[in-house]
């Protein structure tokens, strides 16, 4: 029978330290050794001390805390749970939130599974691409200090064939090195970090102060419609967009475009000279709110 990690004091202390780091608190003030101090109670105490209110998605946070508490200690059992986590992350960038800032749920689960993931072979890691992508993202965004050994990912590279160059060309290439390094960093960005969802435009109208912009209210399966501003006025009328299914990025930072709030980015395609632009169509039968993922 698989044993739960709930009674593992070392794991519990790592989780406590990680949550405290996340909330900029001193972990020494919170003991994980006190009887009855399970991860849930420890989290609630730390949250209270941080002065922050309970998150709106508190039920989801509690679900992931339960996941962390029940994450098995033995390697055979943890493989199955990691496969389930991998399937869950195939549909989203992070466990909770918009992906720009890791949530406490992401930090807690990262702390719970880290020791098991770091011990996997390369072939086992290859079978968990979404877990590995997510862990790499969390460790790059959260300042966890020396709590965890850094997980190193082998990222595919491309080495073009080089022709023999003279001294003058070699000097020119050396001068361009910083620009090349910046370009290589851009290539490491993964489309899997984008939260791409199917939406249904329920209403569209012209932007009040910009002739090139339209404003849309889009159903993405949430409690309220999302308002999105897009530069489609030259290519589509509000009537043409109304009741049209689209694909949009929903984890972009909300912001105003010419004083009108926009909470997403509608994905479009165009011809070569950009005289025709249309929103992308989602897969046939896809419903508002469903996530769009890419193979490979």
Protein backbone atom coordinates (compact mmCIF):
# COMPACT_ATOMS: atom_id res chain seq x y z
CA UNK A 1 0.00 0.00 0.00
CA UNK A 2 1.30 3.47 -0.88
CA UNK A 3 2.26 5.62 2.08
CA UNK A 4 1.27 9.26 2.22
CA UNK A 5 3.85 12.00 2.74
CA UNK A 6 1.57 13.77 5.22
CA UNK A 7 3.63 12.49 8.16
CA UNK A 8 6.99 13.35 6.60
CA UNK A 9 8.38 16.16 8.83
CA UNK A 10 11.13 17.06 6.35
CA UNK A 11 8.66 17.58 3.50
CA UNK A 12 6.30 19.49 5.78
CA UNK A 13 9.12 21.83 6.85
CA UNK A 14 10.09 22.46 3.23
CA UNK A 15 6.50 23.36 2.41
CA UNK A 16 6.32 25.71 5.42
CA UNK A 17 9.58 27.41 4.42
CA UNK A 18 8.41 27.78 0.82
CA UNK A 19 5.06 29.32 1.77
CA UNK A 20 6.83 31.73 4.12
CA UNK A 21 9.23 32.72 1.34
CA UNK A 22 6.24 33.23 -0.95
CA UNK A 23 4.66 35.60 1.60
CA UNK A 24 8.01 37.17 2.65
CA UNK A 25 7.78 35.80 6.22
CA UNK A 26 10.34 34.18 8.54
CA UNK A 27 9.72 30.39 8.58
CA UNK A 28 11.21 30.13 12.09
CA UNK A 29 8.00 31.62 13.45
CA UNK A 30 6.01 28.62 12.24
CA UNK A 31 6.80 25.18 13.59
CA UNK A 32 5.83 22.13 11.56
CA UNK A 33 6.57 19.88 14.54
CA UNK A 34 3.55 20.81 16.66
CA UNK A 35 1.03 17.93 16.74
CA UNK A 36 -1.98 18.62 14.57
CA UNK A 37 -0.05 21.05 12.40
CA UNK A 38 -0.93 19.56 9.04
CA UNK A 39 -0.20 21.50 5.87
CA UNK A 40 -3.68 23.01 5.77
CA UNK A 41 -3.45 24.45 9.31
CA UNK A 42 0.09 25.65 8.73
CA UNK A 43 -0.96 27.40 5.53
CA UNK A 44 -3.91 29.10 7.24
CA UNK A 45 -1.67 30.32 10.09
CA UNK A 46 0.91 31.67 7.65
CA UNK A 47 -1.79 33.33 5.54
CA UNK A 48 -3.22 35.01 8.64
CA UNK A 49 0.21 36.26 9.73
CA UNK A 50 0.89 37.65 6.26
CA UNK A 51 -2.13 39.94 6.59
CA UNK A 52 -3.48 38.74 3.26
CA UNK A 53 -7.09 37.76 2.73
CA UNK A 54 -8.08 34.25 1.72
CA UNK A 55 -7.88 33.94 -2.07
CA UNK A 56 -11.10 33.98 -4.07
CA UNK A 57 -10.30 30.48 -5.33
CA UNK A 58 -9.74 29.20 -1.78
CA UNK A 59 -11.50 25.89 -2.51
CA UNK A 60 -9.02 25.22 -5.31
CA UNK A 61 -6.09 26.07 -3.01
CA UNK A 62 -7.44 23.57 -0.47
CA UNK A 63 -7.73 20.94 -3.20
CA UNK A 64 -4.04 21.30 -4.05
CA UNK A 65 -3.07 21.33 -0.36
CA UNK A 66 -4.88 17.97 -0.05
CA UNK A 67 -2.90 16.80 -3.09
CA UNK A 68 0.38 17.80 -1.41
CA UNK A 69 -0.61 16.12 1.87
CA UNK A 70 -1.48 12.86 0.15
CA UNK A 71 1.45 12.79 -2.29
CA UNK A 72 3.05 9.35 -1.75
CA UNK A 73 6.55 8.78 -0.44
CA UNK A 74 7.44 5.61 -2.35
CA UNK A 75 8.67 6.11 -5.91
CA UNK A 76 6.41 3.56 -7.59
CA UNK A 77 3.22 5.16 -6.30
CA UNK A 78 4.40 8.71 -6.98
CA UNK A 79 4.87 7.94 -10.70
CA UNK A 80 1.15 7.46 -11.16
CA UNK A 81 0.32 10.67 -9.29
CA UNK A 82 2.90 12.62 -11.32
CA UNK A 83 1.30 11.31 -14.51
CA UNK A 84 -2.05 12.68 -13.33
CA UNK A 85 -0.42 16.03 -12.52
CA UNK A 86 1.19 16.05 -15.97
CA UNK A 87 -2.21 15.51 -17.61
CA UNK A 88 -3.69 18.36 -15.56
CA UNK A 89 -0.89 20.76 -16.52
CA UNK A 90 -1.30 19.90 -20.21
CA UNK A 91 -4.31 22.22 -20.18
CA UNK A 92 -2.80 25.20 -18.34
CA UNK A 93 0.39 27.09 -17.55
CA UNK A 94 0.16 26.87 -13.75
CA UNK A 95 -2.09 25.16 -11.22
CA UNK A 96 -3.90 28.36 -10.22
CA UNK A 97 -3.89 31.98 -11.32
CA UNK A 98 -2.94 33.72 -14.54
CA UNK A 99 0.64 32.46 -14.73
CA UNK A 100 2.35 35.81 -14.22
CA UNK A 101 2.88 35.16 -10.51
CA UNK A 102 2.87 31.60 -9.12
CA UNK A 103 0.09 31.02 -6.61
CA UNK A 104 0.52 29.56 -3.14
CA UNK A 105 -0.98 26.33 -4.52
CA UNK A 106 1.83 26.13 -7.10
CA UNK A 107 4.47 26.72 -4.42
CA UNK A 108 2.98 24.09 -2.08
CA UNK A 109 2.70 21.38 -4.75
CA UNK A 110 6.16 22.22 -6.12
CA UNK A 111 7.60 21.72 -2.62
CA UNK A 112 5.74 18.43 -2.17
CA UNK A 113 6.82 16.79 -5.44
CA UNK A 114 10.31 18.27 -5.88
CA UNK A 115 12.23 15.51 -4.11
CA UNK A 116 10.48 12.83 -6.18
CA UNK A 117 10.98 14.65 -9.49
CA UNK A 118 14.66 15.43 -8.89
CA UNK A 119 15.28 11.69 -8.48
CA UNK A 120 13.73 10.69 -11.81
CA UNK A 121 15.87 9.45 -14.66
CA UNK A 122 16.06 11.51 -17.86
CA UNK A 123 13.79 9.03 -19.65
CA UNK A 124 11.21 9.30 -16.84
CA UNK A 125 11.38 13.11 -16.97
CA UNK A 126 10.81 12.98 -20.73
CA UNK A 127 7.46 11.32 -20.06
CA UNK A 128 6.39 14.29 -17.89
CA UNK A 129 6.95 17.29 -20.20
CA UNK A 130 4.25 19.48 -18.66
CA UNK A 131 5.39 18.81 -15.09
CA UNK A 132 8.99 19.59 -16.03
CA UNK A 133 8.00 22.78 -17.87
CA UNK A 134 5.90 23.88 -14.88
CA UNK A 135 8.64 23.13 -12.31
CA UNK A 136 11.22 25.00 -14.38
CA UNK A 137 8.85 27.98 -14.50
CA UNK A 138 8.15 27.96 -10.73
CA UNK A 139 11.82 27.71 -9.77
CA UNK A 140 12.62 30.62 -12.09
CA UNK A 141 9.81 32.85 -10.74
CA UNK A 142 9.98 32.09 -7.00
CA UNK A 143 12.93 33.09 -4.82
CA UNK A 144 13.23 29.87 -2.83
CA UNK A 145 16.90 30.38 -2.03
CA UNK A 146 18.79 27.21 -1.17
CA UNK A 147 15.69 25.23 -0.16
CA UNK A 148 15.69 23.12 -3.31
CA UNK A 149 18.26 21.75 -5.70
CA UNK A 150 17.72 23.38 -9.08
CA UNK A 151 16.16 21.11 -11.67
CA UNK A 152 18.15 21.32 -14.89
CA UNK A 153 16.27 20.75 -18.12
CA UNK A 154 17.90 19.70 -21.34
CA UNK A 155 16.53 22.17 -23.86
CA UNK A 156 16.97 21.35 -27.53
CA UNK A 157 19.41 23.55 -29.34
CA UNK A 158 20.20 24.25 -32.96
CA UNK A 159 23.76 24.52 -34.19
CA UNK A 160 23.92 25.79 -37.79
CA UNK A 161 26.82 24.86 -40.00
CA UNK A 162 29.43 27.59 -40.09
CA UNK A 163 31.60 28.52 -43.01
CA UNK A 164 35.24 29.32 -42.50
CA UNK A 165 35.61 33.01 -41.74
CA UNK A 166 38.49 35.39 -41.95
CA UNK A 167 39.72 37.44 -39.01
CA UNK A 168 37.53 40.42 -39.98
CA UNK A 169 34.36 38.32 -40.06
CA UNK A 170 35.27 36.69 -36.75
CA UNK A 171 35.55 40.11 -35.08
CA UNK A 172 32.15 41.14 -36.49
CA UNK A 173 30.57 37.91 -35.20
CA UNK A 174 32.06 38.52 -31.74
CA UNK A 175 30.50 42.00 -31.64
CA UNK A 176 27.09 40.48 -32.38
CA UNK A 177 27.35 37.92 -29.55
CA UNK A 178 25.19 39.80 -26.96
CA UNK A 179 22.39 40.20 -29.50
CA UNK A 180 22.59 36.47 -30.32
CA UNK A 181 22.42 35.54 -26.63
CA UNK A 182 19.27 37.63 -26.17
CA UNK A 183 17.75 35.93 -29.20
CA UNK A 184 18.54 32.49 -27.78
CA UNK A 185 16.77 33.39 -24.53
CA UNK A 186 13.68 34.34 -26.51
CA UNK A 187 13.73 30.92 -28.20
CA UNK A 188 13.48 29.24 -24.78
CA UNK A 189 10.01 30.71 -24.21
CA UNK A 190 7.39 28.01 -24.59
CA UNK A 191 3.91 28.35 -26.05
CA UNK A 192 2.78 26.10 -23.20
CA UNK A 193 3.05 29.11 -20.86
CA UNK A 194 0.14 30.73 -22.71
CA UNK A 195 -3.38 30.02 -21.51
CA UNK A 196 -5.22 29.68 -24.83
CA UNK A 197 -8.98 29.16 -24.62
CA UNK A 198 -12.02 28.92 -26.84
CA UNK A 199 -14.38 31.89 -26.60
CA UNK A 200 -17.74 33.00 -27.99
CA UNK A 201 -18.19 36.69 -28.84
CA UNK A 202 -21.58 37.62 -27.36
CA UNK A 203 -21.45 41.31 -28.22
CA UNK A 204 -19.19 43.62 -30.23
CA UNK A 205 -19.13 47.38 -30.77
CA UNK A 206 -16.88 50.14 -32.05
CA UNK A 207 -14.31 51.60 -29.66
CA UNK A 208 -15.55 55.04 -28.51
CA UNK A 209 -12.27 56.84 -29.27
CA UNK A 210 -10.30 54.70 -31.75
CA UNK A 211 -11.49 53.98 -35.30
CA UNK A 212 -9.19 50.97 -35.70
CA UNK A 213 -10.38 49.17 -32.55
CA UNK A 214 -13.39 47.07 -31.63
CA UNK A 215 -14.56 46.04 -28.17
CA UNK A 216 -15.95 42.55 -27.58
CA UNK A 217 -17.61 40.76 -24.69
CA UNK A 218 -16.47 37.14 -24.85
CA UNK A 219 -17.75 34.06 -23.04
CA UNK A 220 -14.81 31.86 -21.96
CA UNK A 221 -16.78 29.68 -19.55
CA UNK A 222 -16.28 31.97 -16.55
CA UNK A 223 -18.87 33.54 -14.26
CA UNK A 224 -18.67 36.85 -16.13
CA UNK A 225 -17.91 37.77 -19.72
CA UNK A 226 -14.43 39.02 -20.59
CA UNK A 227 -14.06 42.38 -22.27
CA UNK A 228 -11.39 42.38 -24.98
CA UNK A 229 -10.20 45.22 -27.21
CA UNK A 230 -8.84 44.15 -30.61
CA UNK A 231 -7.61 45.93 -33.73
CA UNK A 232 -10.15 44.37 -36.08
CA UNK A 233 -12.27 47.39 -37.04
CA UNK A 234 -10.67 47.63 -40.51
CA UNK A 235 -11.37 43.98 -41.27
CA UNK A 236 -14.58 42.94 -39.49
CA UNK A 237 -17.79 44.68 -38.52
CA UNK A 238 -19.28 44.24 -35.03
CA UNK A 239 -22.15 42.33 -36.64
CA UNK A 240 -19.74 39.88 -38.30
CA UNK A 241 -18.05 39.15 -34.98
CA UNK A 242 -21.19 38.73 -32.87
CA UNK A 243 -21.87 35.04 -32.06
CA UNK A 244 -18.56 34.05 -33.63
CA UNK A 245 -16.34 31.47 -31.93
CA UNK A 246 -12.72 32.60 -31.47
CA UNK A 247 -9.46 31.56 -29.82
CA UNK A 248 -7.86 33.92 -27.32
CA UNK A 249 -5.04 34.17 -24.80
CA UNK A 250 -6.54 34.69 -21.34
CA UNK A 251 -3.47 34.99 -19.10
CA UNK A 252 -2.26 38.31 -20.46
CA UNK A 253 -2.15 41.15 -17.95
CA UNK A 254 -5.38 43.21 -18.11
CA UNK A 255 -4.83 46.78 -19.27
CA UNK A 256 -6.50 49.73 -20.92
CA UNK A 257 -6.35 50.40 -24.66
CA UNK A 258 -7.36 54.00 -25.29
CA UNK A 259 -9.12 54.11 -21.89
CA UNK A 260 -11.08 50.87 -22.41
CA UNK A 261 -10.14 47.82 -20.32
CA UNK A 262 -9.01 44.71 -22.20
CA UNK A 263 -8.72 41.27 -20.52
CA UNK A 264 -7.40 39.07 -23.29
CA UNK A 265 -5.91 38.81 -26.75
CA UNK A 266 -7.88 37.42 -29.71
CA UNK A 267 -5.65 35.35 -31.99
CA UNK A 268 -5.93 36.14 -35.71
CA UNK A 269 -4.44 35.14 -39.04
CA UNK A 270 -3.74 37.30 -42.09
CA UNK A 271 -2.55 37.09 -45.67
CA UNK A 272 0.99 38.15 -46.60
CA UNK A 273 0.23 41.83 -47.19
CA UNK A 274 -2.17 42.09 -44.22
CA UNK A 275 -5.08 43.25 -46.35
CA UNK A 276 -7.24 40.48 -44.86
CA UNK A 277 -7.28 39.61 -41.15
CA UNK A 278 -9.65 37.19 -39.44
CA UNK A 279 -9.88 35.65 -35.96
CA UNK A 280 -8.74 32.03 -35.76
CA UNK A 281 -11.48 29.42 -35.61
CA UNK A 282 -11.31 26.91 -32.73
CA UNK A 283 -11.58 23.15 -33.37
CA UNK A 284 -15.01 21.98 -34.44
CA UNK A 285 -17.22 21.19 -31.44
CA UNK A 286 -15.00 23.03 -28.94
CA UNK A 287 -16.98 24.83 -26.23
CA UNK A 288 -16.30 28.22 -24.59
CA UNK A 289 -13.66 27.88 -21.88
CA UNK A 290 -11.99 24.77 -23.29
CA UNK A 291 -8.21 24.99 -23.52
CA UNK A 292 -6.28 24.75 -26.77
CA UNK A 293 -2.96 22.91 -26.57
CA UNK A 294 -0.20 22.12 -29.04
CA UNK A 295 1.45 18.78 -29.64
CA UNK A 296 5.20 18.46 -29.84
